[in-house]
């Protein structure tokens, strides 16, 4: 007998991993020096804040997948597991990247390029998992309207993958690392996602997210 998968268990486990990742970020802060020391370590607080809200943004994307579909099979479980694995390690290079931008951590250009590269690989892998989850759910969806929504987001997050890979390429070839070009390239996400949305609506008409 084939039993249906329980999406609630997957969501509960995923929420636990997101919470654990947030806990790891808090533990990495040094509170032993007291209030005065904490006030002088403002760069750590900013880096923690950026990392935390990026983590929340990833959680929202994850939450929205189950809000829009909720489809689960062993492929979805595999993609979701890989996603959580990458996220657990993603927040730490992001924190180091923010710290280096603020000037609190002196690193060489080669080290900065490697940090950009590591950050962008993680970014691309995370959204690859999201795109694969949406595409898998789209292939299994029987409702045309719901399938369109899932197909849109599969393509939408593919744009994130392309931009992440572009950032990796710039970092690997050491192009514009001095003035942060591998980071500024993420600004392309706004216009690219907008034009994709316009193009998609021209192809398939209006639909609700």
N, C-alpha and C. Protein backbone atom coordinates (compact mmCIF):
# COMPACT_ATOMS: atom_id res chain seq x y z
N UNK A 1 0.85 -1.19 0.00
CA UNK A 1 0.00 0.00 0.00
C UNK A 1 0.89 1.25 0.00
N UNK A 2 0.55 2.20 -0.85
CA UNK A 2 1.32 3.43 -0.95
C UNK A 2 0.68 4.52 -0.10
N UNK A 3 1.43 5.03 0.89
CA UNK A 3 0.90 6.05 1.78
C UNK A 3 1.29 7.43 1.27
N UNK A 4 0.40 8.43 1.39
CA UNK A 4 0.73 9.79 0.96
C UNK A 4 1.76 10.44 1.88
N UNK A 5 2.55 11.32 1.33
CA UNK A 5 3.54 12.04 2.13
C UNK A 5 2.86 13.13 2.95
N UNK A 6 3.40 13.36 4.13
CA UNK A 6 2.85 14.36 5.04
C UNK A 6 3.70 15.63 4.95
N UNK A 7 3.18 16.67 4.31
CA UNK A 7 3.95 17.92 4.15
C UNK A 7 4.16 18.62 5.49
N UNK A 8 3.27 18.38 6.45
CA UNK A 8 3.42 19.03 7.75
C UNK A 8 4.70 18.60 8.46
N UNK A 9 5.07 17.33 8.31
CA UNK A 9 6.31 16.85 8.92
C UNK A 9 7.53 17.52 8.29
N UNK A 10 7.49 17.67 6.98
CA UNK A 10 8.61 18.31 6.28
C UNK A 10 8.73 19.77 6.67
N UNK A 11 7.60 20.46 6.77
CA UNK A 11 7.62 21.87 7.17
C UNK A 11 8.11 22.02 8.60
N UNK A 12 7.69 21.14 9.49
CA UNK A 12 8.13 21.21 10.88
C UNK A 12 9.63 20.99 11.00
N UNK A 13 10.14 19.98 10.26
CA UNK A 13 11.57 19.71 10.28
C UNK A 13 12.35 20.89 9.69
N UNK A 14 11.84 21.45 8.60
CA UNK A 14 12.51 22.58 7.95
C UNK A 14 12.54 23.79 8.87
N UNK A 15 11.42 24.06 9.56
CA UNK A 15 11.37 25.19 10.50
C UNK A 15 12.40 25.00 11.61
N UNK A 16 12.58 23.74 12.03
CA UNK A 16 13.57 23.46 13.06
C UNK A 16 14.99 23.76 12.58
N UNK A 17 15.27 23.43 11.32
CA UNK A 17 16.60 23.70 10.76
C UNK A 17 16.82 25.21 10.61
N UNK A 18 15.82 25.94 10.15
CA UNK A 18 15.93 27.39 10.05
C UNK A 18 16.20 27.99 11.44
N UNK A 19 15.48 27.50 12.45
CA UNK A 19 15.67 28.00 13.81
C UNK A 19 17.07 27.67 14.32
N UNK A 20 17.57 26.49 13.97
CA UNK A 20 18.92 26.10 14.37
C UNK A 20 19.97 27.00 13.71
N UNK A 21 19.76 27.33 12.44
CA UNK A 21 20.68 28.22 11.73
C UNK A 21 20.72 29.60 12.41
N UNK A 22 19.54 30.11 12.82
CA UNK A 22 19.49 31.39 13.52
C UNK A 22 20.21 31.29 14.86
N UNK A 23 20.06 30.16 15.54
CA UNK A 23 20.73 29.95 16.82
C UNK A 23 22.24 29.95 16.66
N UNK A 24 22.73 29.32 15.60
CA UNK A 24 24.17 29.30 15.34
C UNK A 24 24.71 30.71 15.14
N UNK A 25 23.93 31.56 14.49
CA UNK A 25 24.37 32.94 14.28
C UNK A 25 24.46 33.69 15.60
N UNK A 26 23.51 33.46 16.49
CA UNK A 26 23.53 34.13 17.79
C UNK A 26 24.70 33.64 18.63
N UNK A 27 24.94 32.34 18.62
CA UNK A 27 26.04 31.76 19.40
C UNK A 27 27.38 32.31 18.95
N UNK A 28 27.50 32.63 17.64
CA UNK A 28 28.77 33.14 17.11
C UNK A 28 29.09 34.55 17.60
N UNK A 29 28.09 35.25 18.17
CA UNK A 29 28.35 36.57 18.74
C UNK A 29 29.04 36.43 20.09
N UNK A 30 29.95 37.35 20.38
CA UNK A 30 30.70 37.31 21.63
C UNK A 30 30.09 38.30 22.62
N UNK A 31 29.39 37.77 23.65
CA UNK A 31 28.78 38.61 24.67
C UNK A 31 29.58 38.61 25.98
N UNK A 32 30.73 37.96 25.98
CA UNK A 32 31.47 37.79 27.23
C UNK A 32 32.10 39.09 27.73
N UNK A 33 32.32 40.03 26.84
CA UNK A 33 32.99 41.26 27.24
C UNK A 33 32.08 42.27 27.90
N UNK A 34 30.80 41.97 28.02
CA UNK A 34 29.88 42.91 28.65
C UNK A 34 29.33 43.92 27.67
N UNK A 35 28.58 44.88 28.21
CA UNK A 35 27.87 45.85 27.38
C UNK A 35 28.83 46.75 26.60
N UNK A 36 29.90 47.21 27.25
CA UNK A 36 30.83 48.13 26.59
C UNK A 36 31.50 47.46 25.39
N UNK A 37 31.90 46.21 25.60
CA UNK A 37 32.52 45.47 24.49
C UNK A 37 31.52 45.26 23.36
N UNK A 38 30.29 44.97 23.75
CA UNK A 38 29.25 44.74 22.74
C UNK A 38 29.01 45.99 21.91
N UNK A 39 29.05 47.15 22.55
CA UNK A 39 28.81 48.41 21.82
C UNK A 39 29.94 48.71 20.83
N UNK A 40 31.16 48.25 21.14
CA UNK A 40 32.28 48.49 20.22
C UNK A 40 32.28 47.49 19.07
N UNK A 41 31.50 46.40 19.19
CA UNK A 41 31.45 45.38 18.14
C UNK A 41 30.21 45.57 17.28
N UNK A 42 29.95 46.81 16.88
CA UNK A 42 28.76 47.12 16.10
C UNK A 42 28.79 46.45 14.74
N UNK A 43 29.98 46.20 14.21
CA UNK A 43 30.06 45.53 12.90
C UNK A 43 29.52 44.11 12.99
N UNK A 44 29.78 43.43 14.12
CA UNK A 44 29.26 42.07 14.31
C UNK A 44 27.74 42.09 14.37
N UNK A 45 27.19 43.13 15.03
CA UNK A 45 25.74 43.24 15.13
C UNK A 45 25.10 43.48 13.77
N UNK A 46 25.73 44.33 12.95
CA UNK A 46 25.21 44.60 11.61
C UNK A 46 25.28 43.35 10.76
N UNK A 47 26.43 42.65 10.83
CA UNK A 47 26.58 41.41 10.06
C UNK A 47 25.56 40.37 10.50
N UNK A 48 25.34 40.29 11.80
CA UNK A 48 24.33 39.37 12.31
C UNK A 48 22.94 39.75 11.81
N UNK A 49 22.64 41.06 11.84
CA UNK A 49 21.33 41.51 11.38
C UNK A 49 21.08 41.20 9.92
N UNK A 50 22.08 41.46 9.07
CA UNK A 50 21.94 41.17 7.64
C UNK A 50 21.73 39.67 7.43
N UNK A 51 22.56 38.86 8.09
CA UNK A 51 22.46 37.41 7.93
C UNK A 51 21.10 36.90 8.41
N UNK A 52 20.62 37.45 9.52
CA UNK A 52 19.35 37.00 10.08
C UNK A 52 18.19 37.28 9.13
N UNK A 53 18.15 38.51 8.59
CA UNK A 53 17.03 38.86 7.72
C UNK A 53 17.11 38.16 6.36
N UNK A 54 18.33 37.84 5.90
CA UNK A 54 18.46 37.01 4.71
C UNK A 54 17.91 35.61 4.99
N UNK A 55 18.22 35.09 6.18
CA UNK A 55 17.70 33.78 6.57
C UNK A 55 16.17 33.80 6.63
N UNK A 56 15.60 34.88 7.17
CA UNK A 56 14.14 35.01 7.21
C UNK A 56 13.57 35.05 5.79
N UNK A 57 14.25 35.75 4.88
CA UNK A 57 13.79 35.82 3.49
C UNK A 57 13.75 34.43 2.86
N UNK A 58 14.77 33.61 3.13
CA UNK A 58 14.78 32.24 2.62
C UNK A 58 13.63 31.44 3.22
N UNK A 59 13.36 31.67 4.50
CA UNK A 59 12.24 30.97 5.15
C UNK A 59 10.91 31.35 4.50
N UNK A 60 10.75 32.63 4.17
CA UNK A 60 9.51 33.09 3.52
C UNK A 60 9.33 32.42 2.17
N UNK A 61 10.42 32.30 1.39
CA UNK A 61 10.34 31.62 0.10
C UNK A 61 9.93 30.16 0.31
N UNK A 62 10.50 29.53 1.32
CA UNK A 62 10.17 28.15 1.64
C UNK A 62 8.70 28.03 2.06
N UNK A 63 8.26 28.93 2.91
CA UNK A 63 6.86 28.95 3.37
C UNK A 63 5.90 29.12 2.20
N UNK A 64 6.26 30.00 1.27
CA UNK A 64 5.38 30.27 0.13
C UNK A 64 5.26 29.08 -0.80
N UNK A 65 6.32 28.26 -0.89
CA UNK A 65 6.19 27.05 -1.72
C UNK A 65 5.06 26.16 -1.20
N UNK A 66 5.05 25.92 0.10
CA UNK A 66 4.03 25.04 0.67
C UNK A 66 2.66 25.72 0.72
N UNK A 67 2.65 27.04 0.71
CA UNK A 67 1.38 27.75 0.61
C UNK A 67 0.79 27.62 -0.79
N UNK A 68 1.63 27.64 -1.79
CA UNK A 68 1.15 27.59 -3.17
C UNK A 68 0.90 26.18 -3.67
N UNK A 69 1.65 25.21 -3.13
CA UNK A 69 1.51 23.86 -3.65
C UNK A 69 1.29 22.84 -2.54
N UNK A 70 2.29 22.66 -1.73
CA UNK A 70 2.20 21.62 -0.71
C UNK A 70 2.46 20.23 -1.25
N UNK A 71 2.76 20.12 -2.57
CA UNK A 71 3.03 18.80 -3.15
C UNK A 71 4.34 18.26 -2.59
N UNK A 72 4.34 17.01 -2.20
CA UNK A 72 5.54 16.38 -1.64
C UNK A 72 5.68 14.97 -2.20
N UNK A 73 6.87 14.66 -2.66
CA UNK A 73 7.25 13.28 -2.97
C UNK A 73 8.72 13.14 -2.61
N UNK A 74 9.34 12.03 -2.97
CA UNK A 74 10.73 11.83 -2.56
C UNK A 74 11.68 12.81 -3.26
N UNK A 75 11.33 13.27 -4.45
CA UNK A 75 12.15 14.28 -5.11
C UNK A 75 12.10 15.60 -4.35
N UNK A 76 10.91 15.99 -3.91
CA UNK A 76 10.77 17.22 -3.13
C UNK A 76 11.54 17.10 -1.82
N UNK A 77 11.45 15.94 -1.18
CA UNK A 77 12.19 15.73 0.06
C UNK A 77 13.70 15.85 -0.17
N UNK A 78 14.17 15.32 -1.30
CA UNK A 78 15.60 15.41 -1.64
C UNK A 78 16.02 16.85 -1.85
N UNK A 79 15.26 17.58 -2.67
CA UNK A 79 15.60 18.98 -2.93
C UNK A 79 15.54 19.81 -1.65
N UNK A 80 14.54 19.54 -0.82
CA UNK A 80 14.38 20.29 0.43
C UNK A 80 15.53 20.00 1.39
N UNK A 81 15.97 18.75 1.44
CA UNK A 81 17.09 18.38 2.30
C UNK A 81 18.38 19.07 1.86
N UNK A 82 18.64 19.09 0.56
CA UNK A 82 19.82 19.78 0.04
C UNK A 82 19.73 21.27 0.33
N UNK A 83 18.54 21.84 0.19
CA UNK A 83 18.32 23.26 0.48
C UNK A 83 18.70 23.57 1.92
N UNK A 84 18.21 22.78 2.86
CA UNK A 84 18.49 23.03 4.27
C UNK A 84 19.96 22.86 4.59
N UNK A 85 20.59 21.89 3.96
CA UNK A 85 22.03 21.67 4.15
C UNK A 85 22.83 22.90 3.73
N UNK A 86 22.51 23.45 2.57
CA UNK A 86 23.24 24.61 2.06
C UNK A 86 22.98 25.83 2.93
N UNK A 87 21.74 26.03 3.36
CA UNK A 87 21.39 27.20 4.16
C UNK A 87 22.17 27.21 5.48
N UNK A 88 22.36 26.04 6.09
CA UNK A 88 23.09 25.97 7.35
C UNK A 88 24.51 26.52 7.21
N UNK A 89 25.12 26.34 6.05
CA UNK A 89 26.48 26.82 5.84
C UNK A 89 26.52 28.18 5.16
N UNK A 90 25.42 28.57 4.55
CA UNK A 90 25.38 29.80 3.76
C UNK A 90 25.52 31.04 4.64
N UNK A 91 24.92 31.04 5.83
CA UNK A 91 24.87 32.25 6.65
C UNK A 91 26.25 32.68 7.13
N UNK A 92 27.19 31.76 7.22
CA UNK A 92 28.50 32.12 7.75
C UNK A 92 29.38 32.85 6.73
N UNK A 93 29.50 32.40 5.47
CA UNK A 93 30.23 33.24 4.50
C UNK A 93 29.55 34.57 4.28
N UNK A 94 28.21 34.63 4.38
CA UNK A 94 27.50 35.90 4.23
C UNK A 94 27.90 36.86 5.34
N UNK A 95 27.97 36.35 6.57
CA UNK A 95 28.35 37.19 7.70
C UNK A 95 29.78 37.72 7.52
N UNK A 96 30.69 36.84 7.08
CA UNK A 96 32.08 37.26 6.85
C UNK A 96 32.17 38.30 5.75
N UNK A 97 31.32 38.14 4.72
CA UNK A 97 31.32 39.09 3.61
C UNK A 97 30.87 40.47 4.08
N UNK A 98 29.83 40.54 4.88
CA UNK A 98 29.34 41.82 5.41
C UNK A 98 30.40 42.45 6.31
N UNK A 99 31.04 41.64 7.15
CA UNK A 99 32.08 42.14 8.06
C UNK A 99 33.24 42.74 7.29
N UNK A 100 33.63 42.09 6.19
CA UNK A 100 34.74 42.61 5.38
C UNK A 100 34.36 43.90 4.68
N UNK A 101 33.09 44.02 4.23
CA UNK A 101 32.63 45.26 3.61
C UNK A 101 32.69 46.43 4.59
N UNK A 102 32.40 46.14 5.86
CA UNK A 102 32.40 47.19 6.88
C UNK A 102 33.80 47.53 7.37
N UNK A 103 34.79 46.82 6.89
CA UNK A 103 36.17 47.12 7.23
C UNK A 103 36.65 46.54 8.54
N UNK A 104 35.82 45.70 9.18
CA UNK A 104 36.21 45.14 10.48
C UNK A 104 37.13 43.94 10.32
N UNK A 105 37.11 43.33 9.16
CA UNK A 105 37.93 42.14 8.93
C UNK A 105 38.80 42.40 7.71
N UNK A 106 40.10 42.54 7.93
CA UNK A 106 41.04 42.84 6.85
C UNK A 106 41.38 41.56 6.10
N UNK A 107 41.02 41.54 4.83
CA UNK A 107 41.35 40.39 4.00
C UNK A 107 41.93 40.88 2.68
N UNK A 108 42.66 40.00 2.00
CA UNK A 108 43.25 40.34 0.72
C UNK A 108 42.20 40.28 -0.39
N UNK A 109 42.54 40.81 -1.55
CA UNK A 109 41.62 40.76 -2.68
C UNK A 109 41.35 39.32 -3.10
N UNK A 110 42.36 38.49 -3.01
CA UNK A 110 42.17 37.08 -3.37
C UNK A 110 41.20 36.41 -2.40
N UNK A 111 41.32 36.73 -1.11
CA UNK A 111 40.41 36.16 -0.12
C UNK A 111 38.99 36.70 -0.31
N UNK A 112 38.88 37.99 -0.66
CA UNK A 112 37.57 38.58 -0.90
C UNK A 112 36.90 37.93 -2.12
N UNK A 113 37.70 37.69 -3.17
CA UNK A 113 37.17 37.02 -4.35
C UNK A 113 36.67 35.61 -4.01
N UNK A 114 37.43 34.90 -3.18
CA UNK A 114 37.02 33.55 -2.76
C UNK A 114 35.74 33.61 -1.93
N UNK A 115 35.62 34.65 -1.10
CA UNK A 115 34.42 34.81 -0.28
C UNK A 115 33.20 35.10 -1.15
N UNK A 116 33.36 35.98 -2.13
CA UNK A 116 32.29 36.25 -3.09
C UNK A 116 31.89 34.97 -3.82
N UNK A 117 32.90 34.21 -4.22
CA UNK A 117 32.65 32.98 -4.97
C UNK A 117 31.87 31.97 -4.12
N UNK A 118 32.30 31.81 -2.86
CA UNK A 118 31.62 30.89 -1.96
C UNK A 118 30.19 31.34 -1.69
N UNK A 119 30.00 32.63 -1.46
CA UNK A 119 28.68 33.20 -1.22
C UNK A 119 27.76 32.95 -2.42
N UNK A 120 28.26 33.20 -3.62
CA UNK A 120 27.44 33.09 -4.83
C UNK A 120 27.12 31.64 -5.17
N UNK A 121 28.05 30.73 -4.89
CA UNK A 121 27.76 29.31 -5.11
C UNK A 121 26.61 28.88 -4.20
N UNK A 122 26.67 29.30 -2.93
CA UNK A 122 25.59 28.98 -2.00
C UNK A 122 24.27 29.57 -2.44
N UNK A 123 24.30 30.83 -2.88
CA UNK A 123 23.10 31.51 -3.36
C UNK A 123 22.48 30.76 -4.53
N UNK A 124 23.32 30.39 -5.52
CA UNK A 124 22.83 29.68 -6.70
C UNK A 124 22.27 28.31 -6.34
N UNK A 125 22.92 27.61 -5.42
CA UNK A 125 22.44 26.28 -5.02
C UNK A 125 21.10 26.36 -4.29
N UNK A 126 20.95 27.37 -3.44
CA UNK A 126 19.70 27.53 -2.70
C UNK A 126 18.53 27.73 -3.66
N UNK A 127 18.71 28.63 -4.62
CA UNK A 127 17.60 28.90 -5.53
C UNK A 127 17.46 27.82 -6.61
N UNK A 128 18.50 27.05 -6.84
CA UNK A 128 18.35 25.87 -7.68
C UNK A 128 17.39 24.89 -7.02
N UNK A 129 17.54 24.71 -5.71
CA UNK A 129 16.63 23.81 -4.98
C UNK A 129 15.20 24.32 -5.04
N UNK A 130 15.02 25.62 -4.82
CA UNK A 130 13.67 26.20 -4.90
C UNK A 130 13.07 26.02 -6.29
N UNK A 131 13.87 26.29 -7.33
CA UNK A 131 13.37 26.17 -8.70
C UNK A 131 13.00 24.72 -9.01
N UNK A 132 13.81 23.77 -8.56
CA UNK A 132 13.52 22.36 -8.81
C UNK A 132 12.27 21.91 -8.07
N UNK A 133 12.07 22.41 -6.86
CA UNK A 133 10.85 22.08 -6.11
C UNK A 133 9.61 22.58 -6.84
N UNK A 134 9.67 23.82 -7.32
CA UNK A 134 8.53 24.38 -8.05
C UNK A 134 8.30 23.65 -9.36
N UNK A 135 9.38 23.31 -10.07
CA UNK A 135 9.23 22.64 -11.35
C UNK A 135 8.66 21.24 -11.16
N UNK A 136 9.10 20.56 -10.12
CA UNK A 136 8.57 19.22 -9.84
C UNK A 136 7.08 19.29 -9.50
N UNK A 137 6.70 20.27 -8.67
CA UNK A 137 5.29 20.43 -8.32
C UNK A 137 4.46 20.82 -9.54
N UNK A 138 5.04 21.64 -10.42
CA UNK A 138 4.35 22.04 -11.66
C UNK A 138 4.07 20.82 -12.54
N UNK A 139 5.03 19.91 -12.63
CA UNK A 139 4.86 18.71 -13.46
C UNK A 139 3.74 17.81 -12.93
N UNK A 140 3.48 17.87 -11.63
CA UNK A 140 2.49 16.99 -11.01
C UNK A 140 1.14 17.67 -10.79
N UNK A 141 1.08 18.99 -10.97
CA UNK A 141 -0.16 19.73 -10.72
C UNK A 141 -1.18 19.47 -11.83
N UNK A 142 -2.43 19.19 -11.43
CA UNK A 142 -3.48 18.90 -12.41
C UNK A 142 -4.31 20.13 -12.75
N UNK A 143 -4.37 21.09 -11.85
CA UNK A 143 -5.12 22.32 -12.11
C UNK A 143 -4.29 23.26 -12.98
N UNK A 144 -4.87 23.71 -14.11
CA UNK A 144 -4.14 24.58 -15.03
C UNK A 144 -3.72 25.89 -14.37
N UNK A 145 -4.62 26.49 -13.59
CA UNK A 145 -4.32 27.77 -12.95
C UNK A 145 -3.19 27.63 -11.94
N UNK A 146 -3.25 26.60 -11.12
CA UNK A 146 -2.19 26.37 -10.13
C UNK A 146 -0.87 26.00 -10.81
N UNK A 147 -0.95 25.25 -11.90
CA UNK A 147 0.25 24.87 -12.63
C UNK A 147 0.96 26.10 -13.19
N UNK A 148 0.18 27.09 -13.66
CA UNK A 148 0.78 28.31 -14.18
C UNK A 148 1.56 29.05 -13.10
N UNK A 149 0.99 29.11 -11.90
CA UNK A 149 1.68 29.77 -10.79
C UNK A 149 2.99 29.07 -10.49
N UNK A 150 2.97 27.75 -10.42
CA UNK A 150 4.16 26.98 -10.11
C UNK A 150 5.21 27.12 -11.22
N UNK A 151 4.74 27.12 -12.46
CA UNK A 151 5.66 27.27 -13.58
C UNK A 151 6.32 28.64 -13.57
N UNK A 152 5.53 29.66 -13.22
CA UNK A 152 6.08 31.02 -13.13
C UNK A 152 7.22 31.07 -12.13
N UNK A 153 7.02 30.51 -10.94
CA UNK A 153 8.05 30.59 -9.91
C UNK A 153 9.24 29.70 -10.20
N UNK A 154 9.03 28.62 -10.92
CA UNK A 154 10.17 27.80 -11.36
C UNK A 154 11.08 28.62 -12.27
N UNK A 155 10.46 29.36 -13.20
CA UNK A 155 11.24 30.24 -14.08
C UNK A 155 11.80 31.44 -13.33
N UNK A 156 11.00 31.99 -12.43
CA UNK A 156 11.40 33.16 -11.65
C UNK A 156 12.69 32.89 -10.87
N UNK A 157 12.74 31.75 -10.17
CA UNK A 157 13.92 31.44 -9.37
C UNK A 157 15.09 30.97 -10.22
N UNK A 158 14.82 30.58 -11.46
CA UNK A 158 15.91 30.27 -12.38
C UNK A 158 16.73 31.52 -12.69
N UNK A 159 16.08 32.68 -12.67
CA UNK A 159 16.80 33.95 -12.86
C UNK A 159 17.82 34.15 -11.74
N UNK A 160 17.43 33.81 -10.51
CA UNK A 160 18.34 33.93 -9.37
C UNK A 160 19.57 33.04 -9.57
N UNK A 161 19.34 31.86 -10.14
CA UNK A 161 20.46 30.94 -10.38
C UNK A 161 21.43 31.55 -11.38
N UNK A 162 20.90 32.11 -12.46
CA UNK A 162 21.74 32.70 -13.50
C UNK A 162 22.58 33.85 -12.94
N UNK A 163 21.97 34.72 -12.14
CA UNK A 163 22.70 35.85 -11.56
C UNK A 163 23.76 35.34 -10.58
N UNK A 164 23.42 34.32 -9.79
CA UNK A 164 24.41 33.75 -8.88
C UNK A 164 25.60 33.16 -9.61
N UNK A 165 25.34 32.45 -10.70
CA UNK A 165 26.42 31.87 -11.50
C UNK A 165 27.26 32.98 -12.13
N UNK A 166 26.63 34.07 -12.57
CA UNK A 166 27.36 35.21 -13.12
C UNK A 166 28.30 35.79 -12.07
N UNK A 167 27.83 35.90 -10.83
CA UNK A 167 28.66 36.41 -9.75
C UNK A 167 29.84 35.48 -9.48
N UNK A 168 29.59 34.17 -9.54
CA UNK A 168 30.67 33.20 -9.37
C UNK A 168 31.73 33.39 -10.45
N UNK A 169 31.28 33.56 -11.69
CA UNK A 169 32.21 33.73 -12.82
C UNK A 169 33.06 34.99 -12.65
N UNK A 170 32.42 36.09 -12.25
CA UNK A 170 33.16 37.35 -12.04
C UNK A 170 34.19 37.18 -10.93
N UNK A 171 33.80 36.49 -9.86
CA UNK A 171 34.72 36.28 -8.75
C UNK A 171 35.88 35.38 -9.16
N UNK A 172 35.58 34.31 -9.88
CA UNK A 172 36.62 33.35 -10.28
C UNK A 172 37.63 34.00 -11.23
N UNK A 173 37.14 34.91 -12.08
CA UNK A 173 38.03 35.59 -13.03
C UNK A 173 38.58 36.89 -12.48
N UNK A 174 38.24 37.18 -11.20
CA UNK A 174 38.75 38.37 -10.51
C UNK A 174 38.41 39.67 -11.26
N UNK A 175 37.17 39.73 -11.73
CA UNK A 175 36.70 40.91 -12.48
C UNK A 175 35.91 41.81 -11.54
N UNK A 176 36.42 43.01 -11.31
CA UNK A 176 35.71 44.01 -10.52
C UNK A 176 35.59 43.71 -9.04
N UNK A 177 36.42 42.80 -8.53
CA UNK A 177 36.33 42.44 -7.11
C UNK A 177 36.69 43.62 -6.22
N UNK A 178 37.63 44.45 -6.68
CA UNK A 178 38.10 45.59 -5.89
C UNK A 178 36.96 46.51 -5.48
N UNK A 179 36.01 46.75 -6.40
CA UNK A 179 34.88 47.63 -6.07
C UNK A 179 33.57 46.85 -5.92
N UNK A 180 33.67 45.55 -5.70
CA UNK A 180 32.50 44.75 -5.34
C UNK A 180 31.55 44.41 -6.45
N UNK A 181 32.03 44.33 -7.70
CA UNK A 181 31.15 44.01 -8.82
C UNK A 181 30.42 42.67 -8.65
N UNK A 182 31.08 41.61 -8.14
CA UNK A 182 30.34 40.34 -7.95
C UNK A 182 29.15 40.47 -6.99
N UNK A 183 29.19 41.50 -6.13
CA UNK A 183 28.05 41.75 -5.24
C UNK A 183 27.01 42.64 -5.89
N UNK A 184 27.47 43.68 -6.57
CA UNK A 184 26.55 44.63 -7.20
C UNK A 184 25.76 43.98 -8.34
N UNK A 185 26.28 42.86 -8.89
CA UNK A 185 25.58 42.21 -10.00
C UNK A 185 24.21 41.69 -9.56
N UNK A 186 24.03 41.51 -8.25
CA UNK A 186 22.72 41.05 -7.76
C UNK A 186 21.62 42.10 -7.95
N UNK A 187 22.01 43.33 -8.23
CA UNK A 187 21.03 44.37 -8.52
C UNK A 187 20.27 44.08 -9.82
N UNK A 188 20.83 43.19 -10.64
CA UNK A 188 20.16 42.79 -11.88
C UNK A 188 18.87 42.01 -11.61
N UNK A 189 18.74 41.46 -10.41
CA UNK A 189 17.56 40.66 -10.09
C UNK A 189 16.27 41.45 -10.25
N UNK A 190 16.29 42.71 -9.81
CA UNK A 190 15.08 43.53 -9.90
C UNK A 190 14.55 43.66 -11.31
N UNK A 191 15.35 44.26 -12.24
CA UNK A 191 14.85 44.41 -13.60
C UNK A 191 14.61 43.09 -14.34
N UNK A 192 15.45 42.09 -14.12
CA UNK A 192 15.26 40.81 -14.80
C UNK A 192 13.96 40.13 -14.36
N UNK A 193 13.68 40.17 -13.06
CA UNK A 193 12.44 39.55 -12.56
C UNK A 193 11.22 40.33 -13.04
N UNK A 194 11.36 41.65 -13.13
CA UNK A 194 10.24 42.47 -13.61
C UNK A 194 9.92 42.13 -15.07
N UNK A 195 10.95 42.10 -15.91
CA UNK A 195 10.71 41.81 -17.33
C UNK A 195 10.21 40.38 -17.54
N UNK A 196 10.68 39.46 -16.70
CA UNK A 196 10.16 38.10 -16.79
C UNK A 196 8.67 38.07 -16.46
N UNK A 197 8.28 38.81 -15.43
CA UNK A 197 6.87 38.86 -15.04
C UNK A 197 6.01 39.43 -16.17
N UNK A 198 6.48 40.52 -16.78
CA UNK A 198 5.75 41.13 -17.89
C UNK A 198 5.62 40.16 -19.06
N UNK A 199 6.73 39.50 -19.40
CA UNK A 199 6.73 38.55 -20.51
C UNK A 199 5.81 37.37 -20.23
N UNK A 200 5.84 36.89 -18.99
CA UNK A 200 5.01 35.74 -18.63
C UNK A 200 3.53 36.08 -18.74
N UNK A 201 3.15 37.27 -18.31
CA UNK A 201 1.74 37.68 -18.39
C UNK A 201 1.30 37.88 -19.84
N UNK A 202 2.20 38.30 -20.69
CA UNK A 202 1.87 38.43 -22.11
C UNK A 202 1.65 37.06 -22.73
N UNK A 203 2.38 36.07 -22.25
CA UNK A 203 2.26 34.73 -22.80
C UNK A 203 1.02 34.00 -22.28
N UNK A 204 0.74 34.16 -20.98
CA UNK A 204 -0.28 33.32 -20.34
C UNK A 204 -1.44 34.12 -19.74
N UNK A 205 -1.40 35.45 -19.81
CA UNK A 205 -2.48 36.25 -19.26
C UNK A 205 -2.33 36.49 -17.78
N UNK A 206 -3.34 37.12 -17.18
CA UNK A 206 -3.31 37.44 -15.73
C UNK A 206 -3.60 36.19 -14.92
N UNK A 207 -2.96 36.11 -13.75
CA UNK A 207 -3.19 35.00 -12.84
C UNK A 207 -2.82 35.48 -11.45
N UNK A 208 -3.30 34.77 -10.46
CA UNK A 208 -3.07 35.14 -9.06
C UNK A 208 -1.93 34.33 -8.48
N UNK A 209 -1.08 35.00 -7.67
CA UNK A 209 0.01 34.30 -7.00
C UNK A 209 -0.44 33.70 -5.69
